């Protein structure tokens, strides 16, 4: 169980490092097009290979709020999702039924004439 926890913490640290890299790239691109002045680049955090992992449990609240705002923008109600799924299932069912009827009609018409 401790190995899984260590692996999850390690993955979280890697994701935070990737997010920091992405933020640096965005800032650099904004500076390139003249949107913002370019800040001094930060060195990526090095993880010790066999040592304890750094404490990465603290996430900036601004990042959480921004992520939640983006998620809310694309979230749909469970009721409408259920209705869309039901409509899709009926559409596939009747489409398959029509295709089956067409195949049976073609087989009947080709073999009935003999």
C-alpha atoms as a PDB file:
ATOM      1  CA  UNK A   1       0.000   0.000   0.000  1.00  0.00           C
ATOM      2  CA  UNK A   2       2.876   2.387   0.785  1.00  0.00           C
ATOM      3  CA  UNK A   3       4.380   1.710  -2.656  1.00  0.00           C
ATOM      4  CA  UNK A   4       1.142   2.789  -4.311  1.00  0.00           C
ATOM      5  CA  UNK A   5       1.044   5.958  -2.215  1.00  0.00           C
ATOM      6  CA  UNK A   6       4.646   6.744  -3.119  1.00  0.00           C
ATOM      7  CA  UNK A   7       3.903   6.150  -6.811  1.00  0.00           C
ATOM      8  CA  UNK A   8       0.819   8.389  -6.681  1.00  0.00           C
ATOM      9  CA  UNK A   9       2.790  11.163  -4.968  1.00  0.00           C
ATOM     10  CA  UNK A  10       5.537  10.763  -7.561  1.00  0.00           C
ATOM     11  CA  UNK A  11       3.006  11.020 -10.405  1.00  0.00           C
ATOM     12  CA  UNK A  12       1.487  14.112  -8.797  1.00  0.00           C
ATOM     13  CA  UNK A  13       4.919  15.721  -8.548  1.00  0.00           C
ATOM     14  CA  UNK A  14       5.539  14.961 -12.213  1.00  0.00           C
ATOM     15  CA  UNK A  15       2.195  16.496 -13.173  1.00  0.00           C
ATOM     16  CA  UNK A  16       2.975  19.624 -11.169  1.00  0.00           C
ATOM     17  CA  UNK A  17       6.336  19.856 -12.906  1.00  0.00           C
ATOM     18  CA  UNK A  18       4.639  19.495 -16.299  1.00  0.00           C
ATOM     19  CA  UNK A  19       2.095  22.193 -15.377  1.00  0.00           C
ATOM     20  CA  UNK A  20       4.931  24.506 -14.345  1.00  0.00           C
ATOM     21  CA  UNK A  21       6.687  23.842 -17.668  1.00  0.00           C
ATOM     22  CA  UNK A  22       3.482  24.586 -19.553  1.00  0.00           C
ATOM     23  CA  UNK A  23       3.050  27.836 -17.634  1.00  0.00           C
ATOM     24  CA  UNK A  24       6.633  28.836 -18.501  1.00  0.00           C
ATOM     25  CA  UNK A  25       5.970  28.069 -22.181  1.00  0.00           C
ATOM     26  CA  UNK A  26       2.793  30.160 -22.162  1.00  0.00           C
ATOM     27  CA  UNK A  27       4.600  33.081 -20.553  1.00  0.00           C
ATOM     28  CA  UNK A  28       7.464  32.779 -23.041  1.00  0.00           C
ATOM     29  CA  UNK A  29       5.034  32.746 -25.986  1.00  0.00           C
ATOM     30  CA  UNK A  30       3.157  35.747 -24.592  1.00  0.00           C
ATOM     31  CA  UNK A  31       6.470  37.564 -24.224  1.00  0.00           C
ATOM     32  CA  UNK A  32       7.390  36.636 -27.801  1.00  0.00           C
ATOM     33  CA  UNK A  33       4.246  38.213 -29.186  1.00  0.00           C
ATOM     34  CA  UNK A  34       4.567  41.173 -26.838  1.00  0.00           C
ATOM     35  CA  UNK A  35       1.676  40.447 -24.502  1.00  0.00           C
ATOM     36  CA  UNK A  36       3.723  40.391 -21.286  1.00  0.00           C
ATOM     37  CA  UNK A  37       7.373  40.947 -20.350  1.00  0.00           C
ATOM     38  CA  UNK A  38       9.338  37.711 -20.156  1.00  0.00           C
ATOM     39  CA  UNK A  39      10.117  36.588 -16.578  1.00  0.00           C
ATOM     40  CA  UNK A  40      13.361  34.935 -15.614  1.00  0.00           C
ATOM     41  CA  UNK A  41      13.147  31.196 -16.383  1.00  0.00           C
ATOM     42  CA  UNK A  42      13.016  28.828 -13.425  1.00  0.00           C
ATOM     43  CA  UNK A  43      14.956  25.613 -13.258  1.00  0.00           C
ATOM     44  CA  UNK A  44      12.733  22.513 -13.098  1.00  0.00           C
ATOM     45  CA  UNK A  45      12.538  20.850  -9.725  1.00  0.00           C
ATOM     46  CA  UNK A  46      14.732  17.782  -9.551  1.00  0.00           C
ATOM     47  CA  UNK A  47      13.326  14.723  -7.781  1.00  0.00           C
ATOM     48  CA  UNK A  48      15.754  12.566  -5.830  1.00  0.00           C
ATOM     49  CA  UNK A  49      15.709   9.080  -7.392  1.00  0.00           C
ATOM     50  CA  UNK A  50      15.478   7.060  -4.173  1.00  0.00           C
ATOM     51  CA  UNK A  51      14.916   9.712  -1.540  1.00  0.00           C
ATOM     52  CA  UNK A  52      11.650  10.964  -0.095  1.00  0.00           C
ATOM     53  CA  UNK A  53       9.361  12.826  -2.421  1.00  0.00           C
ATOM     54  CA  UNK A  54       8.754  16.534  -1.887  1.00  0.00           C
ATOM     55  CA  UNK A  55       5.483  17.591  -0.322  1.00  0.00           C
ATOM     56  CA  UNK A  56       3.254  18.441  -3.272  1.00  0.00           C
ATOM     57  CA  UNK A  57      -0.059  18.332  -1.449  1.00  0.00           C
ATOM     58  CA  UNK A  58      -0.487  22.105  -1.623  1.00  0.00           C
ATOM     59  CA  UNK A  59      -2.118  23.215  -4.871  1.00  0.00           C
ATOM     60  CA  UNK A  60      -2.530  26.939  -5.526  1.00  0.00           C
ATOM     61  CA  UNK A  61      -6.197  27.886  -5.070  1.00  0.00           C
ATOM     62  CA  UNK A  62      -6.147  30.005  -8.244  1.00  0.00           C
ATOM     63  CA  UNK A  63      -5.308  26.928 -10.305  1.00  0.00           C
ATOM     64  CA  UNK A  64      -8.118  24.944  -8.658  1.00  0.00           C
ATOM     65  CA  UNK A  65     -10.623  27.746  -9.217  1.00  0.00           C
ATOM     66  CA  UNK A  66      -9.584  28.111 -12.852  1.00  0.00           C
ATOM     67  CA  UNK A  67      -9.829  24.354 -13.434  1.00  0.00           C
ATOM     68  CA  UNK A  68     -13.250  24.214 -11.786  1.00  0.00           C
ATOM     69  CA  UNK A  69     -14.476  27.119 -13.923  1.00  0.00           C
ATOM     70  CA  UNK A  70     -13.365  25.330 -17.085  1.00  0.00           C
ATOM     71  CA  UNK A  71     -14.996  22.070 -15.956  1.00  0.00           C
ATOM     72  CA  UNK A  72     -18.265  23.858 -15.167  1.00  0.00           C
ATOM     73  CA  UNK A  73     -18.273  25.366 -18.652  1.00  0.00           C
ATOM     74  CA  UNK A  74     -18.418  21.914 -20.280  1.00  0.00           C
ATOM     75  CA  UNK A  75     -20.473  20.081 -17.652  1.00  0.00           C
ATOM     76  CA  UNK A  76     -23.988  19.052 -18.667  1.00  0.00           C
ATOM     77  CA  UNK A  77     -26.854  17.968 -16.486  1.00  0.00           C
ATOM     78  CA  UNK A  78     -27.161  14.215 -15.855  1.00  0.00           C
ATOM     79  CA  UNK A  79     -30.786  14.314 -17.018  1.00  0.00           C
ATOM     80  CA  UNK A  80     -29.941  15.706 -20.472  1.00  0.00           C
ATOM     81  CA  UNK A  81     -27.046  13.264 -20.778  1.00  0.00           C
ATOM     82  CA  UNK A  82     -29.396  10.388 -20.002  1.00  0.00           C
ATOM     83  CA  UNK A  83     -31.863  11.595 -22.628  1.00  0.00           C
ATOM     84  CA  UNK A  84     -29.112  11.915 -25.247  1.00  0.00           C
ATOM     85  CA  UNK A  85     -27.898   8.394 -24.527  1.00  0.00           C
ATOM     86  CA  UNK A  86     -31.431   6.997 -24.719  1.00  0.00           C
ATOM     87  CA  UNK A  87     -32.047   8.789 -28.027  1.00  0.00           C
ATOM     88  CA  UNK A  88     -28.769   7.426 -29.407  1.00  0.00           C
ATOM     89  CA  UNK A  89     -29.608   3.875 -28.346  1.00  0.00           C
ATOM     90  CA  UNK A  90     -33.007   4.044 -30.034  1.00  0.00           C
ATOM     91  CA  UNK A  91     -31.421   5.485 -33.155  1.00  0.00           C
ATOM     92  CA  UNK A  92     -28.885   2.643 -33.348  1.00  0.00           C
ATOM     93  CA  UNK A  93     -31.562   0.031 -32.628  1.00  0.00           C
ATOM     94  CA  UNK A  94     -33.901   1.202 -35.361  1.00  0.00           C
ATOM     95  CA  UNK A  95     -31.006   1.681 -37.768  1.00  0.00           C
ATOM     96  CA  UNK A  96     -29.862  -1.898 -37.173  1.00  0.00           C
ATOM     97  CA  UNK A  97     -33.445  -3.139 -37.513  1.00  0.00           C
ATOM     98  CA  UNK A  98     -33.822  -1.332 -40.853  1.00  0.00           C
ATOM     99  CA  UNK A  99     -30.505  -2.743 -42.066  1.00  0.00           C
ATOM    100  CA  UNK A 100     -31.577  -6.258 -41.049  1.00  0.00           C
ATOM    101  CA  UNK A 101     -34.892  -5.809 -42.872  1.00  0.00           C
ATOM    102  CA  UNK A 102     -33.051  -4.611 -45.968  1.00  0.00           C
ATOM    103  CA  UNK A 103     -30.716  -7.628 -45.917  1.00  0.00           C
ATOM    104  CA  UNK A 104     -33.634 -10.040 -45.471  1.00  0.00           C
ATOM    105  CA  UNK A 105     -35.537  -8.350 -48.332  1.00  0.00           C
ATOM    106  CA  UNK A 106     -32.512  -8.571 -50.654  1.00  0.00           C
ATOM    107  CA  UNK A 107     -31.969 -12.252 -49.811  1.00  0.00           C
ATOM    108  CA  UNK A 108     -35.674 -13.022 -50.286  1.00  0.00           C
ATOM    109  CA  UNK A 109     -35.892 -11.218 -53.624  1.00  0.00           C
ATOM    110  CA  UNK A 110     -32.708 -12.801 -54.995  1.00  0.00           C
ATOM    111  CA  UNK A 111     -33.661 -16.361 -54.002  1.00  0.00           C
ATOM    112  CA  UNK A 112     -37.409 -16.107 -54.650  1.00  0.00           C
ATOM    113  CA  UNK A 113     -36.958 -15.697 -58.395  1.00  0.00           C
ATOM    114  CA  UNK A 114     -35.153 -19.050 -58.810  1.00  0.00           C
END
